[in-house]
Amino acid sequence: MTGDLEKTYCFKSENKFIVKSGCKKRMWRSLKQILAADRALPWPDDAVLYYSINAPPTFKPTKKYSDISGLPAPYMDRHSKLYYSNAEEFATVRNLPMDITAGYLQLRGASTIVG
C-alpha cells in the first residue's frame, strides 16, 4: 500500500498570495509584498518576471472622453481642440473663454494649448 506516499501536483502548489501565520486568520498579501518577495529570490538573469515585462504599444486607438461631462466624445471642436459629446456641450465649448479652454487642455495633458 502507498499510505505514506503523496503525489504532488503542480496546481496544488503553495499559494503565494496568502500569508501563513500559525492558527491566525489568513491574510492576503499585496502586490507590492509579492513583488518584493520575488525580487529577493535568486533568479537567473534571463528569467522573465512580473516586474521585468515591458508591454508593447497598443494598436487600439485611445478612447476620447468629453472635457465637459466625461461621456464618450465622438466630436472635437476645431477651434478650441476640446472634445464634446452632444450639441449642448458644443454650445458650452464655443462660449468658454480662452483661459478656461487652456485650463481644460492642460488638465487633459494636450501638448498644444490654444493661446
PDB file of N, CA and C in Angstrom:
ATOM      1  N   MET A   1       0.835  -1.190   0.000  1.00  0.00           N
ATOM      2  CA  MET A   1       0.000   0.000   0.000  1.00  0.00           C
ATOM      3  C   MET A   1       0.873   1.244   0.000  1.00  0.00           C
ATOM      4  N   THR A   2       0.307   2.282  -0.533  1.00  0.00           N
ATOM      5  CA  THR A   2       1.047   3.538  -0.610  1.00  0.00           C
ATOM      6  C   THR A   2       0.403   4.574   0.305  1.00  0.00           C
ATOM      7  N   GLY A   3       0.394   4.309   1.584  1.00  0.00           N
ATOM      8  CA  GLY A   3      -0.226   5.210   2.553  1.00  0.00           C
ATOM      9  C   GLY A   3       0.620   6.441   2.829  1.00  0.00           C
ATOM     10  N   ASP A   4       1.958   6.274   2.837  1.00  0.00           N
ATOM     11  CA  ASP A   4       2.831   7.393   3.167  1.00  0.00           C
ATOM     12  C   ASP A   4       3.217   8.224   1.948  1.00  0.00           C
ATOM     13  N   LEU A   5       3.076   7.649   0.780  1.00  0.00           N
ATOM     14  CA  LEU A   5       3.455   8.386  -0.431  1.00  0.00           C
ATOM     15  C   LEU A   5       2.319   9.327  -0.841  1.00  0.00           C
ATOM     16  N   GLU A   6       2.678  10.569  -1.048  1.00  0.00           N
ATOM     17  CA  GLU A   6       1.691  11.544  -1.507  1.00  0.00           C
ATOM     18  C   GLU A   6       2.147  12.084  -2.846  1.00  0.00           C
ATOM     19  N   LYS A   7       1.233  12.154  -3.755  1.00  0.00           N
ATOM     20  CA  LYS A   7       1.557  12.733  -5.054  1.00  0.00           C
ATOM     21  C   LYS A   7       1.527  14.256  -4.929  1.00  0.00           C
ATOM     22  N   THR A   8       2.443  14.914  -5.589  1.00  0.00           N
ATOM     23  CA  THR A   8       2.443  16.376  -5.597  1.00  0.00           C
ATOM     24  C   THR A   8       2.011  16.837  -6.983  1.00  0.00           C
ATOM     25  N   TYR A   9       1.021  17.668  -6.996  1.00  0.00           N
ATOM     26  CA  TYR A   9       0.505  18.205  -8.245  1.00  0.00           C
ATOM     27  C   TYR A   9       0.919  19.662  -8.374  1.00  0.00           C
ATOM     28  N   CYS A  10       1.189  20.091  -9.594  1.00  0.00           N
ATOM     29  CA  CYS A  10       1.643  21.461  -9.791  1.00  0.00           C
ATOM     30  C   CYS A  10       0.548  22.467  -9.484  1.00  0.00           C
ATOM     31  N   PHE A  11      -0.721  22.090  -9.637  1.00  0.00           N
ATOM     32  CA  PHE A  11      -1.794  23.026  -9.354  1.00  0.00           C
ATOM     33  C   PHE A  11      -2.094  23.115  -7.860  1.00  0.00           C
ATOM     34  N   LYS A  12      -1.479  22.225  -7.066  1.00  0.00           N
ATOM     35  CA  LYS A  12      -1.674  22.274  -5.624  1.00  0.00           C
ATOM     36  C   LYS A  12      -0.452  22.851  -4.926  1.00  0.00           C
ATOM     37  N   SER A  13       0.319  23.656  -5.657  1.00  0.00           N
ATOM     38  CA  SER A  13       1.495  24.258  -5.037  1.00  0.00           C
ATOM     39  C   SER A  13       1.066  25.320  -4.042  1.00  0.00           C
ATOM     40  N   GLU A  14       1.998  25.734  -3.245  1.00  0.00           N
ATOM     41  CA  GLU A  14       1.699  26.695  -2.189  1.00  0.00           C
ATOM     42  C   GLU A  14       1.203  28.000  -2.787  1.00  0.00           C
ATOM     43  N   ASN A  15       0.142  28.512  -2.237  1.00  0.00           N
ATOM     44  CA  ASN A  15      -0.430  29.775  -2.704  1.00  0.00           C
ATOM     45  C   ASN A  15       0.418  30.914  -2.165  1.00  0.00           C
ATOM     46  N   LYS A  16       1.095  31.646  -3.050  1.00  0.00           N
ATOM     47  CA  LYS A  16       1.983  32.698  -2.580  1.00  0.00           C
ATOM     48  C   LYS A  16       1.262  34.008  -2.309  1.00  0.00           C
ATOM     49  N   PHE A  17      -0.043  34.032  -2.482  1.00  0.00           N
ATOM     50  CA  PHE A  17      -0.810  35.232  -2.203  1.00  0.00           C
ATOM     51  C   PHE A  17      -1.284  35.281  -0.749  1.00  0.00           C
ATOM     52  N   ILE A  18      -1.170  34.174  -0.016  1.00  0.00           N
ATOM     53  CA  ILE A  18      -1.686  34.096   1.348  1.00  0.00           C
ATOM     54  C   ILE A  18      -0.515  34.031   2.326  1.00  0.00           C
ATOM     55  N   VAL A  19      -0.579  34.828   3.370  1.00  0.00           N
ATOM     56  CA  VAL A  19       0.436  34.807   4.425  1.00  0.00           C
ATOM     57  C   VAL A  19       0.028  33.745   5.434  1.00  0.00           C
ATOM     58  N   LYS A  20       0.925  32.803   5.707  1.00  0.00           N
ATOM     59  CA  LYS A  20       0.640  31.763   6.682  1.00  0.00           C
ATOM     60  C   LYS A  20       1.234  32.195   8.019  1.00  0.00           C
ATOM     61  N   SER A  21       0.396  32.319   9.008  1.00  0.00           N
ATOM     62  CA  SER A  21       0.885  32.757  10.322  1.00  0.00           C
ATOM     63  C   SER A  21       0.206  31.931  11.415  1.00  0.00           C
ATOM     64  N   GLY A  22       0.613  30.708  11.573  1.00  0.00           N
ATOM     65  CA  GLY A  22       0.108  29.855  12.646  1.00  0.00           C
ATOM     66  C   GLY A  22      -1.379  29.576  12.508  1.00  0.00           C
ATOM     67  N   CYS A  23      -2.111  29.741  13.606  1.00  0.00           N
ATOM     68  CA  CYS A  23      -3.536  29.453  13.634  1.00  0.00           C
ATOM     69  C   CYS A  23      -4.391  30.688  13.372  1.00  0.00           C
ATOM     70  N   LYS A  24      -3.737  31.827  13.141  1.00  0.00           N
ATOM     71  CA  LYS A  24      -4.487  33.053  12.915  1.00  0.00           C
ATOM     72  C   LYS A  24      -5.190  33.013  11.564  1.00  0.00           C
ATOM     73  N   LYS A  25      -6.051  33.991  11.363  1.00  0.00           N
ATOM     74  CA  LYS A  25      -6.714  34.096  10.074  1.00  0.00           C
ATOM     75  C   LYS A  25      -5.688  34.327   8.978  1.00  0.00           C
ATOM     76  N   ARG A  26      -5.990  33.870   7.793  1.00  0.00           N
ATOM     77  CA  ARG A  26      -5.094  34.079   6.671  1.00  0.00           C
ATOM     78  C   ARG A  26      -5.249  35.497   6.147  1.00  0.00           C
ATOM     79  N   MET A  27      -4.135  36.130   5.919  1.00  0.00           N
ATOM     80  CA  MET A  27      -4.150  37.490   5.396  1.00  0.00           C
ATOM     81  C   MET A  27      -3.619  37.469   3.969  1.00  0.00           C
ATOM     82  N   TRP A  28      -4.213  38.274   3.125  1.00  0.00           N
ATOM     83  CA  TRP A  28      -3.779  38.347   1.738  1.00  0.00           C
ATOM     84  C   TRP A  28      -2.618  39.314   1.620  1.00  0.00           C
ATOM     85  N   ARG A  29      -1.662  38.968   0.775  1.00  0.00           N
ATOM     86  CA  ARG A  29      -0.525  39.839   0.517  1.00  0.00           C
ATOM     87  C   ARG A  29      -0.871  40.819  -0.592  1.00  0.00           C
ATOM     88  N   SER A  30      -0.301  41.988  -0.501  1.00  0.00           N
ATOM     89  CA  SER A  30      -0.494  42.960  -1.569  1.00  0.00           C
ATOM     90  C   SER A  30       0.478  42.647  -2.704  1.00  0.00           C
ATOM     91  N   LEU A  31       0.242  43.236  -3.847  1.00  0.00           N
ATOM     92  CA  LEU A  31       1.118  43.019  -4.993  1.00  0.00           C
ATOM     93  C   LEU A  31       2.529  43.499  -4.690  1.00  0.00           C
ATOM     94  N   LYS A  32       2.641  44.567  -3.944  1.00  0.00           N
ATOM     95  CA  LYS A  32       3.952  45.103  -3.584  1.00  0.00           C
ATOM     96  C   LYS A  32       4.739  44.093  -2.758  1.00  0.00           C
ATOM     97  N   GLN A  33       4.071  43.412  -1.817  1.00  0.00           N
ATOM     98  CA  GLN A  33       4.739  42.415  -0.998  1.00  0.00           C
ATOM     99  C   GLN A  33       5.165  41.210  -1.828  1.00  0.00           C
ATOM    100  N   ILE A  34       4.310  40.793  -2.759  1.00  0.00           N
ATOM    101  CA  ILE A  34       4.633  39.634  -3.610  1.00  0.00           C
ATOM    102  C   ILE A  34       5.821  39.946  -4.502  1.00  0.00           C
ATOM    103  N   LEU A  35       5.849  41.148  -5.104  1.00  0.00           N
ATOM    104  CA  LEU A  35       6.964  41.524  -5.972  1.00  0.00           C
ATOM    105  C   LEU A  35       8.263  41.655  -5.185  1.00  0.00           C
ATOM    106  N   ALA A  36       8.182  42.170  -3.969  1.00  0.00           N
ATOM    107  CA  ALA A  36       9.380  42.284  -3.133  1.00  0.00           C
ATOM    108  C   ALA A  36       9.921  40.897  -2.793  1.00  0.00           C
ATOM    109  N   ALA A  37       9.033  39.950  -2.515  1.00  0.00           N
ATOM    110  CA  ALA A  37       9.471  38.584  -2.221  1.00  0.00           C
ATOM    111  C   ALA A  37      10.079  37.919  -3.452  1.00  0.00           C
ATOM    112  N   ASP A  38       9.518  38.188  -4.633  1.00  0.00           N
ATOM    113  CA  ASP A  38      10.069  37.625  -5.867  1.00  0.00           C
ATOM    114  C   ASP A  38      11.446  38.209  -6.188  1.00  0.00           C
ATOM    115  N   ARG A  39      11.639  39.500  -5.882  1.00  0.00           N
ATOM    116  CA  ARG A  39      12.937  40.125  -6.152  1.00  0.00           C
ATOM    117  C   ARG A  39      14.021  39.558  -5.242  1.00  0.00           C
ATOM    118  N   ALA A  40      13.632  39.126  -4.050  1.00  0.00           N
ATOM    119  CA  ALA A  40      14.608  38.616  -3.087  1.00  0.00           C
ATOM    120  C   ALA A  40      15.104  37.216  -3.449  1.00  0.00           C
ATOM    121  N   LEU A  41      14.368  36.492  -4.275  1.00  0.00           N
ATOM    122  CA  LEU A  41      14.768  35.138  -4.639  1.00  0.00           C
ATOM    123  C   LEU A  41      15.887  35.180  -5.678  1.00  0.00           C
ATOM    124  N   PRO A  42      16.763  34.166  -5.680  1.00  0.00           N
ATOM    125  CA  PRO A  42      17.876  34.148  -6.657  1.00  0.00           C
ATOM    126  C   PRO A  42      17.413  33.648  -8.030  1.00  0.00           C
ATOM    127  N   TRP A  43      16.966  34.551  -8.879  1.00  0.00           N
ATOM    128  CA  TRP A  43      16.508  34.200 -10.217  1.00  0.00           C
ATOM    129  C   TRP A  43      17.667  34.269 -11.206  1.00  0.00           C
ATOM    130  N   PRO A  44      17.638  33.448 -12.256  1.00  0.00           N
ATOM    131  CA  PRO A  44      18.660  33.588 -13.307  1.00  0.00           C
ATOM    132  C   PRO A  44      18.473  34.909 -14.055  1.00  0.00           C
ATOM    133  N   ASP A  45      19.522  35.343 -14.739  1.00  0.00           N
ATOM    134  CA  ASP A  45      19.483  36.635 -15.426  1.00  0.00           C
ATOM    135  C   ASP A  45      18.462  36.680 -16.561  1.00  0.00           C
ATOM    136  N   ASP A  46      18.211  35.563 -17.215  1.00  0.00           N
ATOM    137  CA  ASP A  46      17.291  35.554 -18.354  1.00  0.00           C
ATOM    138  C   ASP A  46      15.852  35.189 -17.955  1.00  0.00           C
ATOM    139  N   ALA A  47      15.543  35.175 -16.675  1.00  0.00           N
ATOM    140  CA  ALA A  47      14.192  34.841 -16.218  1.00  0.00           C
ATOM    141  C   ALA A  47      13.245  36.006 -16.492  1.00  0.00           C
ATOM    142  N   VAL A  48      12.027  35.687 -16.904  1.00  0.00           N
ATOM    143  CA  VAL A  48      11.005  36.695 -17.155  1.00  0.00           C
ATOM    144  C   VAL A  48      10.113  36.766 -15.926  1.00  0.00           C
ATOM    145  N   LEU A  49      10.087  37.930 -15.287  1.00  0.00           N
ATOM    146  CA  LEU A  49       9.315  38.134 -14.069  1.00  0.00           C
ATOM    147  C   LEU A  49       8.289  39.228 -14.295  1.00  0.00           C
ATOM    148  N   TYR A  50       7.346  39.378 -13.338  1.00  0.00           N
ATOM    149  CA  TYR A  50       6.272  40.358 -13.491  1.00  0.00           C
ATOM    150  C   TYR A  50       6.801  41.779 -13.625  1.00  0.00           C
ATOM    151  N   TYR A  51       7.822  42.120 -12.876  1.00  0.00           N
ATOM    152  CA  TYR A  51       8.304  43.489 -12.890  1.00  0.00           C
ATOM    153  C   TYR A  51       9.295  43.745 -14.022  1.00  0.00           C
ATOM    154  N   SER A  52       9.673  42.742 -14.792  1.00  0.00           N
ATOM    155  CA  SER A  52      10.624  42.944 -15.887  1.00  0.00           C
ATOM    156  C   SER A  52       9.967  42.916 -17.260  1.00  0.00           C
ATOM    157  N   ILE A  53       8.665  42.701 -17.320  1.00  0.00           N
ATOM    158  CA  ILE A  53       7.981  42.628 -18.606  1.00  0.00           C
ATOM    159  C   ILE A  53       7.627  44.029 -19.074  1.00  0.00           C
ATOM    160  N   ASN A  54       8.040  44.372 -20.275  1.00  0.00           N
ATOM    161  CA  ASN A  54       7.672  45.644 -20.878  1.00  0.00           C
ATOM    162  C   ASN A  54       6.596  45.374 -21.917  1.00  0.00           C
ATOM    163  N   ALA A  55       5.467  46.013 -21.760  1.00  0.00           N
ATOM    164  CA  ALA A  55       4.348  45.793 -22.679  1.00  0.00           C
ATOM    165  C   ALA A  55       4.585  46.570 -23.965  1.00  0.00           C
ATOM    166  N   PRO A  56       4.241  45.995 -25.103  1.00  0.00           N
ATOM    167  CA  PRO A  56       4.368  46.730 -26.369  1.00  0.00           C
ATOM    168  C   PRO A  56       3.266  47.780 -26.475  1.00  0.00           C
ATOM    169  N   PRO A  57       3.415  48.730 -27.366  1.00  0.00           N
ATOM    170  CA  PRO A  57       2.349  49.722 -27.529  1.00  0.00           C
ATOM    171  C   PRO A  57       1.088  49.073 -28.069  1.00  0.00           C
ATOM    172  N   THR A  58      -0.043  49.617 -27.686  1.00  0.00           N
ATOM    173  CA  THR A  58      -1.314  49.060 -28.106  1.00  0.00           C
ATOM    174  C   THR A  58      -1.666  49.522 -29.521  1.00  0.00           C
ATOM    175  N   PHE A  59      -2.404  48.698 -30.231  1.00  0.00           N
ATOM    176  CA  PHE A  59      -2.848  49.048 -31.576  1.00  0.00           C
ATOM    177  C   PHE A  59      -4.252  49.645 -31.566  1.00  0.00           C
ATOM    178  N   LYS A  60      -4.935  49.536 -30.441  1.00  0.00           N
ATOM    179  CA  LYS A  60      -6.276  50.112 -30.346  1.00  0.00           C
ATOM    180  C   LYS A  60      -6.164  51.616 -30.173  1.00  0.00           C
ATOM    181  N   PRO A  61      -7.001  52.377 -30.838  1.00  0.00           N
ATOM    182  CA  PRO A  61      -6.958  53.829 -30.622  1.00  0.00           C
ATOM    183  C   PRO A  61      -7.455  54.176 -29.224  1.00  0.00           C
ATOM    184  N   THR A  62      -6.928  55.248 -28.675  1.00  0.00           N
ATOM    185  CA  THR A  62      -7.336  55.641 -27.335  1.00  0.00           C
ATOM    186  C   THR A  62      -8.765  56.159 -27.353  1.00  0.00           C
ATOM    187  N   LYS A  63      -9.466  55.922 -26.270  1.00  0.00           N
ATOM    188  CA  LYS A  63     -10.840  56.404 -26.166  1.00  0.00           C
ATOM    189  C   LYS A  63     -10.816  57.888 -25.831  1.00  0.00           C
ATOM    190  N   LYS A  64     -11.714  58.620 -26.448  1.00  0.00           N
ATOM    191  CA  LYS A  64     -11.797  60.050 -26.224  1.00  0.00           C
ATOM    192  C   LYS A  64     -13.048  60.333 -25.403  1.00  0.00           C
ATOM    193  N   TYR A  65     -12.879  61.134 -24.365  1.00  0.00           N
ATOM    194  CA  TYR A  65     -13.979  61.485 -23.488  1.00  0.00           C
ATOM    195  C   TYR A  65     -14.166  62.995 -23.495  1.00  0.00           C
ATOM    196  N   SER A  66     -15.403  63.409 -23.268  1.00  0.00           N
ATOM    197  CA  SER A  66     -15.740  64.824 -23.269  1.00  0.00           C
ATOM    198  C   SER A  66     -15.013  65.546 -22.144  1.00  0.00           C
ATOM    199  N   ASP A  67     -14.481  66.723 -22.468  1.00  0.00           N
ATOM    200  CA  ASP A  67     -13.804  67.526 -21.461  1.00  0.00           C
ATOM    201  C   ASP A  67     -14.793  68.174 -20.501  1.00  0.00           C
ATOM    202  N   ILE A  68     -16.050  68.287 -20.898  1.00  0.00           N
ATOM    203  CA  ILE A  68     -17.050  68.936 -20.065  1.00  0.00           C
ATOM    204  C   ILE A  68     -17.749  67.927 -19.150  1.00  0.00           C
ATOM    205  N   SER A  69     -18.261  66.830 -19.719  1.00  0.00           N
ATOM    206  CA  SER A  69     -19.081  65.900 -18.943  1.00  0.00           C
ATOM    207  C   SER A  69     -18.401  64.570 -18.627  1.00  0.00           C
ATOM    208  N   GLY A  70     -17.376  64.188 -19.366  1.00  0.00           N
ATOM    209  CA  GLY A  70     -16.723  62.905 -19.146  1.00  0.00           C
ATOM    210  C   GLY A  70     -17.359  61.755 -19.895  1.00  0.00           C
ATOM    211  N   LEU A  71     -18.369  62.031 -20.708  1.00  0.00           N
ATOM    212  CA  LEU A  71     -19.012  60.997 -21.528  1.00  0.00           C
ATOM    213  C   LEU A  71     -18.139  60.689 -22.737  1.00  0.00           C
ATOM    214  N   PRO A  72     -18.320  59.515 -23.378  1.00  0.00           N
ATOM    215  CA  PRO A  72     -17.576  59.243 -24.612  1.00  0.00           C
ATOM    216  C   PRO A  72     -17.860  60.330 -25.647  1.00  0.00           C
ATOM    217  N   ALA A  73     -16.793  60.866 -26.237  1.00  0.00           N
ATOM    218  CA  ALA A  73     -16.933  62.024 -27.118  1.00  0.00           C
ATOM    219  C   ALA A  73     -16.517  61.682 -28.543  1.00  0.00           C
ATOM    220  N   PRO A  74     -17.479  61.618 -29.454  1.00  0.00           N
ATOM    221  CA  PRO A  74     -17.118  61.361 -30.848  1.00  0.00           C
ATOM    222  C   PRO A  74     -16.702  62.623 -31.604  1.00  0.00           C
ATOM    223  N   TYR A  75     -16.834  63.797 -30.989  1.00  0.00           N
ATOM    224  CA  TYR A  75     -16.576  65.047 -31.706  1.00  0.00           C
ATOM    225  C   TYR A  75     -15.478  65.856 -31.020  1.00  0.00           C
ATOM    226  N   MET A  76     -14.785  66.696 -31.846  1.00  0.00           N
ATOM    227  CA  MET A  76     -13.788  67.615 -31.318  1.00  0.00           C
ATOM    228  C   MET A  76     -13.980  68.973 -31.972  1.00  0.00           C
ATOM    229  N   ASP A  77     -13.970  70.013 -31.163  1.00  0.00           N
ATOM    230  CA  ASP A  77     -14.086  71.370 -31.677  1.00  0.00           C
ATOM    231  C   ASP A  77     -12.766  71.755 -32.342  1.00  0.00           C
ATOM    232  N   ARG A  78     -12.820  72.198 -33.600  1.00  0.00           N
ATOM    233  CA  ARG A  78     -11.605  72.539 -34.335  1.00  0.00           C
ATOM    234  C   ARG A  78     -10.951  73.806 -33.796  1.00  0.00           C
ATOM    235  N   HIS A  79     -11.748  74.704 -33.291  1.00  0.00           N
ATOM    236  CA  HIS A  79     -11.208  75.972 -32.819  1.00  0.00           C
ATOM    237  C   HIS A  79     -10.485  75.812 -31.479  1.00  0.00           C
ATOM    238  N   SER A  80     -11.102  75.151 -30.520  1.00  0.00           N
ATOM    239  CA  SER A  80     -10.529  75.060 -29.177  1.00  0.00           C
ATOM    240  C   SER A  80      -9.849  73.721 -28.894  1.00  0.00           C
ATOM    241  N   LYS A  81     -10.029  72.731 -29.758  1.00  0.00           N
ATOM    242  CA  LYS A  81      -9.454  71.385 -29.586  1.00  0.00           C
ATOM    243  C   LYS A  81     -10.018  70.640 -28.382  1.00  0.00           C
ATOM    244  N   LEU A  82     -11.188  71.031 -27.900  1.00  0.00           N
ATOM    245  CA  LEU A  82     -11.850  70.336 -26.797  1.00  0.00           C
ATOM    246  C   LEU A  82     -12.799  69.280 -27.348  1.00  0.00           C
ATOM    247  N   TYR A  83     -12.900  68.160 -26.638  1.00  0.00           N
ATOM    248  CA  TYR A  83     -13.828  67.102 -27.026  1.00  0.00           C
ATOM    249  C   TYR A  83     -15.197  67.373 -26.420  1.00  0.00           C
ATOM    250  N   TYR A  84     -16.252  67.033 -27.163  1.00  0.00           N
ATOM    251  CA  TYR A  84     -17.618  67.180 -26.655  1.00  0.00           C
ATOM    252  C   TYR A  84     -18.459  66.022 -27.174  1.00  0.00           C
ATOM    253  N   SER A  85     -19.603  65.764 -26.508  1.00  0.00           N
ATOM    254  CA  SER A  85     -20.396  64.587 -26.856  1.00  0.00           C
ATOM    255  C   SER A  85     -21.745  64.914 -27.479  1.00  0.00           C
ATOM    256  N   ASN A  86     -22.249  66.134 -27.316  1.00  0.00           N
ATOM    257  CA  ASN A  86     -23.557  66.459 -27.906  1.00  0.00           C
ATOM    258  C   ASN A  86     -23.612  67.953 -28.228  1.00  0.00           C
ATOM    259  N   ALA A  87     -24.729  68.391 -28.760  1.00  0.00           N
ATOM    260  CA  ALA A  87     -24.876  69.773 -29.221  1.00  0.00           C
ATOM    261  C   ALA A  87     -24.866  70.765 -28.057  1.00  0.00           C
ATOM    262  N   GLU A  88     -25.412  70.374 -26.913  1.00  0.00           N
ATOM    263  CA  GLU A  88     -25.407  71.275 -25.761  1.00  0.00           C
ATOM    264  C   GLU A  88     -23.979  71.559 -25.288  1.00  0.00           C
ATOM    265  N   GLU A  89     -23.169  70.522 -25.256  1.00  0.00           N
ATOM    266  CA  GLU A  89     -21.777  70.710 -24.858  1.00  0.00           C
ATOM    267  C   GLU A  89     -21.016  71.529 -25.894  1.00  0.00           C
ATOM    268  N   PHE A  90     -21.364  71.369 -27.172  1.00  0.00           N
ATOM    269  CA  PHE A  90     -20.722  72.162 -28.218  1.00  0.00           C
ATOM    270  C   PHE A  90     -20.982  73.647 -27.996  1.00  0.00           C
ATOM    271  N   ALA A  91     -22.220  74.000 -27.653  1.00  0.00           N
ATOM    272  CA  ALA A  91     -22.535  75.404 -27.377  1.00  0.00           C
ATOM    273  C   ALA A  91     -21.756  75.898 -26.162  1.00  0.00           C
ATOM    274  N   THR A  92     -21.595  75.042 -25.151  1.00  0.00           N
ATOM    275  CA  THR A  92     -20.834  75.416 -23.961  1.00  0.00           C
ATOM    276  C   THR A  92     -19.357  75.611 -24.305  1.00  0.00           C
ATOM    277  N   VAL A  93     -18.816  74.713 -25.123  1.00  0.00           N
ATOM    278  CA  VAL A  93     -17.407  74.791 -25.510  1.00  0.00           C
ATOM    279  C   VAL A  93     -17.142  76.065 -26.299  1.00  0.00           C
ATOM    280  N   ARG A  94     -18.041  76.432 -27.196  1.00  0.00           N
ATOM    281  CA  ARG A  94     -17.859  77.632 -28.011  1.00  0.00           C
ATOM    282  C   ARG A  94     -17.949  78.912 -27.181  1.00  0.00           C
ATOM    283  N   ASN A  95     -18.674  78.890 -26.056  1.00  0.00           N
ATOM    284  CA  ASN A  95     -18.843  80.082 -25.232  1.00  0.00           C
ATOM    285  C   ASN A  95     -17.795  80.201 -24.129  1.00  0.00           C
ATOM    286  N   LEU A  96     -16.894  79.230 -24.001  1.00  0.00           N
ATOM    287  CA  LEU A  96     -15.879  79.283 -22.947  1.00  0.00           C
ATOM    288  C   LEU A  96     -14.807  80.309 -23.296  1.00  0.00           C
ATOM    289  N   PRO A  97     -14.314  81.064 -22.301  1.00  0.00           N
ATOM    290  CA  PRO A  97     -13.192  81.959 -22.561  1.00  0.00           C
ATOM    291  C   PRO A  97     -11.903  81.169 -22.799  1.00  0.00           C
ATOM    292  N   MET A  98     -10.910  81.837 -23.383  1.00  0.00           N
ATOM    293  CA  MET A  98      -9.676  81.142 -23.769  1.00  0.00           C
ATOM    294  C   MET A  98      -8.890  80.624 -22.567  1.00  0.00           C
ATOM    295  N   ASP A  99      -8.933  81.303 -21.416  1.00  0.00           N
ATOM    296  CA  ASP A  99      -8.185  80.809 -20.259  1.00  0.00           C
ATOM    297  C   ASP A  99      -8.794  79.527 -19.696  1.00  0.00           C
ATOM    298  N   ILE A 100     -10.119  79.404 -19.746  1.00  0.00           N
ATOM    299  CA  ILE A 100     -10.787  78.175 -19.304  1.00  0.00           C
ATOM    300  C   ILE A 100     -10.470  77.040 -20.286  1.00  0.00           C
ATOM    301  N   THR A 101     -10.491  77.350 -21.582  1.00  0.00           N
ATOM    302  CA  THR A 101     -10.147  76.351 -22.605  1.00  0.00           C
ATOM    303  C   THR A 101      -8.720  75.857 -22.405  1.00  0.00           C
ATOM    304  N   ALA A 102      -7.799  76.781 -22.154  1.00  0.00           N
ATOM    305  CA  ALA A 102      -6.406  76.399 -21.909  1.00  0.00           C
ATOM    306  C   ALA A 102      -6.292  75.546 -20.644  1.00  0.00           C
ATOM    307  N   GLY A 103      -7.097  75.846 -19.637  1.00  0.00           N
ATOM    308  CA  GLY A 103      -7.090  75.037 -18.416  1.00  0.00           C
ATOM    309  C   GLY A 103      -7.568  73.621 -18.663  1.00  0.00           C
ATOM    310  N   TYR A 104      -8.634  73.464 -19.462  1.00  0.00           N
ATOM    311  CA  TYR A 104      -9.120  72.128 -19.811  1.00  0.00           C
ATOM    312  C   TYR A 104      -8.062  71.350 -20.594  1.00  0.00           C
ATOM    313  N   LEU A 105      -7.400  72.011 -21.544  1.00  0.00           N
ATOM    314  CA  LEU A 105      -6.372  71.328 -22.339  1.00  0.00           C
ATOM    315  C   LEU A 105      -5.178  70.938 -21.474  1.00  0.00           C
ATOM    316  N   GLN A 106      -4.802  71.803 -20.544  1.00  0.00           N
ATOM    317  CA  GLN A 106      -3.703  71.480 -19.652  1.00  0.00           C
ATOM    318  C   GLN A 106      -4.079  70.332 -18.719  1.00  0.00           C
ATOM    319  N   LEU A 107      -5.325  70.317 -18.267  1.00  0.00           N
ATOM    320  CA  LEU A 107      -5.803  69.248 -17.392  1.00  0.00           C
ATOM    321  C   LEU A 107      -5.800  67.904 -18.114  1.00  0.00           C
ATOM    322  N   ARG A 108      -6.159  67.910 -19.392  1.00  0.00           N
ATOM    323  CA  ARG A 108      -6.158  66.686 -20.192  1.00  0.00           C
ATOM    324  C   ARG A 108      -4.753  66.268 -20.577  1.00  0.00           C
ATOM    325  N   GLY A 109      -3.814  67.207 -20.575  1.00  0.00           N
ATOM    326  CA  GLY A 109      -2.441  66.888 -20.957  1.00  0.00           C
ATOM    327  C   GLY A 109      -2.205  67.047 -22.433  1.00  0.00           C
ATOM    328  N   ALA A 110      -2.991  67.875 -23.110  1.00  0.00           N
ATOM    329  CA  ALA A 110      -2.792  68.134 -24.530  1.00  0.00           C
ATOM    330  C   ALA A 110      -1.527  68.947 -24.705  1.00  0.00           C
ATOM    331  N   SER A 111      -0.746  68.610 -25.719  1.00  0.00           N
ATOM    332  CA  SER A 111       0.531  69.280 -25.900  1.00  0.00           C
ATOM    333  C   SER A 111       0.388  70.684 -26.469  1.00  0.00           C
ATOM    334  N   THR A 112      -0.654  70.926 -27.263  1.00  0.00           N
ATOM    335  CA  THR A 112      -0.845  72.239 -27.856  1.00  0.00           C
ATOM    336  C   THR A 112      -1.932  72.969 -27.107  1.00  0.00           C
ATOM    337  N   ILE A 113      -1.567  74.058 -26.481  1.00  0.00           N
ATOM    338  CA  ILE A 113      -2.536  74.875 -25.755  1.00  0.00           C
ATOM    339  C   ILE A 113      -2.873  76.068 -26.614  1.00  0.00           C
ATOM    340  N   VAL A 114      -4.154  76.296 -26.809  1.00  0.00           N
ATOM    341  CA  VAL A 114      -4.608  77.410 -27.634  1.00  0.00           C
ATOM    342  C   VAL A 114      -4.311  78.698 -26.886  1.00  0.00           C
ATOM    343  N   GLY A 115      -3.733  79.668 -27.582  1.00  0.00           N
ATOM    344  CA  GLY A 115      -3.432  80.905 -26.881  1.00  0.00           C
ATOM    345  C   GLY A 115      -3.201  82.063 -27.794  1.00  0.00           C
TER     346      GLY A 115
END
